[in-house]
Every structure is written in structure tokens, then in C-alpha cells.
């Protein structure tokens, strides 16, 4: 018997005419061969913030390959996203130094404050919460990064203050 514990949830956001227009600008810049698949997916994600299912279907048609091939590549690489992310992506370090200095408490506080678990996005689309194995900023442990801004020497008390800061 095969057991499936992890479920991938796709958020279907229809590709609008404007989105099709944008795909129409992306695809012609590439040759229609398998070697273009990764660069095309990267360009599509750069434009949309994730890989919409309908966009992946268009990429498959353009390259003349099966939809399942595009999907398998998109799910193989961790940097591709199949669902929209929040405007602010919070990444919490789970490395050894951060763990020893209270990283788990920081993560629990974020989960409580945002009402989501790692991999989740808040209902208002403001935040996505992720964990990272290590940022390499051990001297600042515990560390989190919001978009490209690093926050070090965190305490649970600093979390509310940081989340309430206006977006850059």
C-alpha cells in the first residue's frame, strides 16, 4: 500500500489576457527546445512571483513537451513556487547556532503571531513563512530574513516590533 503524507496544494489563479500578453513577451526570447525549460520557468516565476499552472501549460505547448515534464522540473527544484507568496517572505534560520540561541522560540512566536506554519501564507497575502537550514550568519543568531533584510540577535519580544515596521 502506498501512503501519501504530503499533499501539494495548487492555487489556481487564472492567467488573464494581460498575463498571456506577458507570456507572449517571455517565450519568444527563448528557443523552443528542452534546454530552455529552466530559463523560461525562471523568467515566468520572476514575472508572476510563482509558476501558475496555466503558464506551465503554455510553456509545455511552446516547447512541445508534456505538461507533466514541466511540472516535474518545477517541483524538483526548491526555488520554484507553485503558489503565490506573500508580499513579505519571512525566512527563519534553523541552523545549529540559531537553534541553540532560541531559533525555535522565534519560529513559534512567528507562527502564533501570523497564524501560519512554515510553508504557509497569511490569508491577506502579506506574509509567507519559511525555514532555512542555515543563513551563515551564526554570529547574529538567532536570525531571520524578511525579503532581503536580515534581523539578528532576535528575541520573541522583538518580533512584534519588526512585523509592525513599515515595508521598505
Protein backbone atom coordinates (compact mmCIF):
# COMPACT_ATOMS: atom_id res chain seq x y z
CA UNK A 1 0.00 0.00 0.00
CA UNK A 2 1.31 3.45 -0.91
CA UNK A 3 0.80 6.20 1.62
CA UNK A 4 0.93 9.85 0.68
CA UNK A 5 1.61 12.09 3.67
CA UNK A 6 2.50 15.27 1.83
CA UNK A 7 -0.04 16.94 -0.38
CA UNK A 8 0.83 19.64 -2.85
CA UNK A 9 -1.81 22.31 -2.93
CA UNK A 10 -2.03 24.25 -6.15
CA UNK A 11 -3.67 27.62 -6.09
CA UNK A 12 -5.38 28.12 -9.40
CA UNK A 13 -5.15 31.72 -10.41
CA UNK A 14 -6.39 32.15 -13.95
CA UNK A 15 -3.95 33.51 -16.48
CA UNK A 16 -5.59 36.71 -17.69
CA UNK A 17 -5.26 38.25 -21.12
CA UNK A 18 -2.64 40.59 -19.66
CA UNK A 19 -0.78 37.56 -18.27
CA UNK A 20 -0.96 35.84 -21.66
CA UNK A 21 0.46 39.01 -23.16
CA UNK A 22 3.35 38.87 -20.72
CA UNK A 23 3.94 35.19 -21.50
CA UNK A 24 3.90 36.17 -25.17
CA UNK A 25 6.79 38.53 -24.42
CA UNK A 26 8.75 35.95 -22.41
CA UNK A 27 8.55 32.87 -24.63
CA UNK A 28 9.83 34.29 -27.95
CA UNK A 29 13.09 35.25 -26.25
CA UNK A 30 13.92 31.53 -25.95
CA UNK A 31 14.46 28.70 -28.39
CA UNK A 32 11.75 26.06 -28.39
CA UNK A 33 13.93 23.22 -27.10
CA UNK A 34 14.26 21.36 -23.82
CA UNK A 35 17.41 23.29 -22.88
CA UNK A 36 15.28 26.41 -22.50
CA UNK A 37 12.93 24.94 -19.91
CA UNK A 38 14.76 26.12 -16.77
CA UNK A 39 15.46 29.65 -18.00
CA UNK A 40 11.85 30.00 -19.16
CA UNK A 41 10.49 28.81 -15.80
CA UNK A 42 12.81 31.24 -14.02
CA UNK A 43 11.59 34.11 -16.22
CA UNK A 44 7.95 33.17 -15.67
CA UNK A 45 8.45 32.99 -11.89
CA UNK A 46 10.33 36.30 -11.96
CA UNK A 47 7.35 37.90 -13.70
CA UNK A 48 4.46 36.30 -11.77
CA UNK A 49 6.16 35.56 -8.42
CA UNK A 50 5.33 31.86 -8.81
CA UNK A 51 4.54 29.37 -11.60
CA UNK A 52 0.83 29.49 -12.41
CA UNK A 53 -0.47 26.15 -13.69
CA UNK A 54 -1.79 27.71 -16.88
CA UNK A 55 1.58 29.35 -17.52
CA UNK A 56 3.30 25.96 -17.14
CA UNK A 57 0.81 24.56 -19.67
CA UNK A 58 1.75 27.36 -22.10
CA UNK A 59 5.44 26.62 -21.58
CA UNK A 60 4.83 22.92 -22.33
CA UNK A 61 2.98 23.82 -25.54
CA UNK A 62 5.74 26.22 -26.58
CA UNK A 63 8.45 23.60 -26.04
CA UNK A 64 6.37 20.74 -27.44
CA UNK A 65 6.74 18.64 -24.29
CA UNK A 66 4.30 17.02 -21.87
CA UNK A 67 2.78 19.16 -19.10
CA UNK A 68 3.99 16.52 -16.65
CA UNK A 69 7.60 17.16 -17.69
CA UNK A 70 7.29 20.87 -16.92
CA UNK A 71 5.56 20.08 -13.62
CA UNK A 72 8.22 17.52 -12.63
CA UNK A 73 11.01 20.04 -13.26
CA UNK A 74 9.11 22.78 -11.39
CA UNK A 75 8.63 20.52 -8.35
CA UNK A 76 12.18 19.11 -8.43
CA UNK A 77 13.87 22.46 -7.86
CA UNK A 78 13.18 24.00 -4.46
CA UNK A 79 13.37 27.59 -5.70
CA UNK A 80 10.29 27.24 -7.89
CA UNK A 81 6.93 28.05 -6.31
CA UNK A 82 3.56 26.66 -7.37
CA UNK A 83 1.50 29.09 -5.34
CA UNK A 84 1.63 32.85 -4.80
CA UNK A 85 3.69 34.06 -1.87
CA UNK A 86 3.09 36.92 0.48
CA UNK A 87 4.48 40.38 -0.17
CA UNK A 88 6.88 39.82 2.71
CA UNK A 89 8.66 36.46 2.85
CA UNK A 90 9.98 35.63 6.30
CA UNK A 91 12.75 33.05 6.44
CA UNK A 92 13.79 31.74 9.86
CA UNK A 93 17.17 30.06 10.31
CA UNK A 94 17.12 26.55 11.77
CA UNK A 95 20.89 26.13 11.88
CA UNK A 96 22.69 24.89 14.96
CA UNK A 97 23.75 28.29 16.31
CA UNK A 98 20.26 29.71 15.84
CA UNK A 99 18.70 26.63 17.39
CA UNK A 100 20.95 26.82 20.45
CA UNK A 101 20.21 30.54 20.87
CA UNK A 102 16.43 30.27 20.68
CA UNK A 103 15.52 29.97 16.99
CA UNK A 104 12.70 27.54 17.78
CA UNK A 105 11.10 30.12 20.10
CA UNK A 106 11.35 32.73 17.34
CA UNK A 107 9.64 30.39 14.89
CA UNK A 108 6.88 29.53 17.38
CA UNK A 109 6.29 33.24 18.05
CA UNK A 110 6.00 33.95 14.31
CA UNK A 111 3.61 31.02 13.86
CA UNK A 112 1.47 32.31 16.72
CA UNK A 113 1.56 35.93 15.59
CA UNK A 114 0.87 35.18 11.90
CA UNK A 115 -1.42 32.17 12.38
CA UNK A 116 0.50 30.07 9.84
CA UNK A 117 3.08 27.29 9.79
CA UNK A 118 6.24 27.20 7.68
CA UNK A 119 5.28 26.98 4.02
CA UNK A 120 2.07 28.94 4.65
CA UNK A 121 0.91 32.35 3.55
CA UNK A 122 -1.39 34.60 5.57
CA UNK A 123 -4.93 34.98 4.26
CA UNK A 124 -4.32 38.66 3.48
CA UNK A 125 -1.32 37.75 1.30
CA UNK A 126 1.00 39.89 3.39
CA UNK A 127 3.37 37.21 4.78
CA UNK A 128 4.81 33.84 3.79
CA UNK A 129 6.71 31.92 6.48
CA UNK A 130 9.62 29.65 5.58
CA UNK A 131 12.53 27.99 7.33
CA UNK A 132 16.08 27.77 6.01
CA UNK A 133 18.75 25.26 7.07
CA UNK A 134 21.36 27.99 7.65
CA UNK A 135 21.98 31.58 6.56
CA UNK A 136 25.63 31.55 7.56
CA UNK A 137 25.10 34.46 9.94
CA UNK A 138 25.82 32.46 13.07
CA UNK A 139 27.35 35.40 14.95
CA UNK A 140 23.93 37.09 14.78
CA UNK A 141 21.96 34.05 15.96
CA UNK A 142 19.05 33.67 16.11
CA UNK A 143 18.43 35.15 12.67
CA UNK A 144 15.51 35.72 10.34
CA UNK A 145 15.33 37.48 6.99
CA UNK A 146 12.31 39.37 5.69
CA UNK A 147 12.64 39.70 1.94
CA UNK A 148 16.28 40.87 1.79
CA UNK A 149 16.61 42.43 5.23
CA UNK A 150 18.47 40.49 7.93
CA UNK A 151 17.35 40.63 11.58
CA UNK A 152 19.80 39.21 14.10
CA UNK A 153 20.08 38.59 17.82
CA UNK A 154 16.33 38.13 17.90
CA UNK A 155 14.12 37.72 20.92
CA UNK A 156 10.43 36.92 20.92
CA UNK A 157 9.81 40.45 22.18
CA UNK A 158 11.36 41.95 19.03
CA UNK A 159 9.06 40.03 16.67
CA UNK A 160 6.01 42.32 17.05
CA UNK A 161 8.14 45.42 16.62
CA UNK A 162 9.72 44.03 13.45
CA UNK A 163 6.42 42.92 11.94
CA UNK A 164 4.90 46.33 12.63
CA UNK A 165 7.70 48.13 10.76
CA UNK A 166 6.55 49.72 7.52
CA UNK A 167 7.58 47.94 4.34
CA UNK A 168 10.66 49.34 2.59
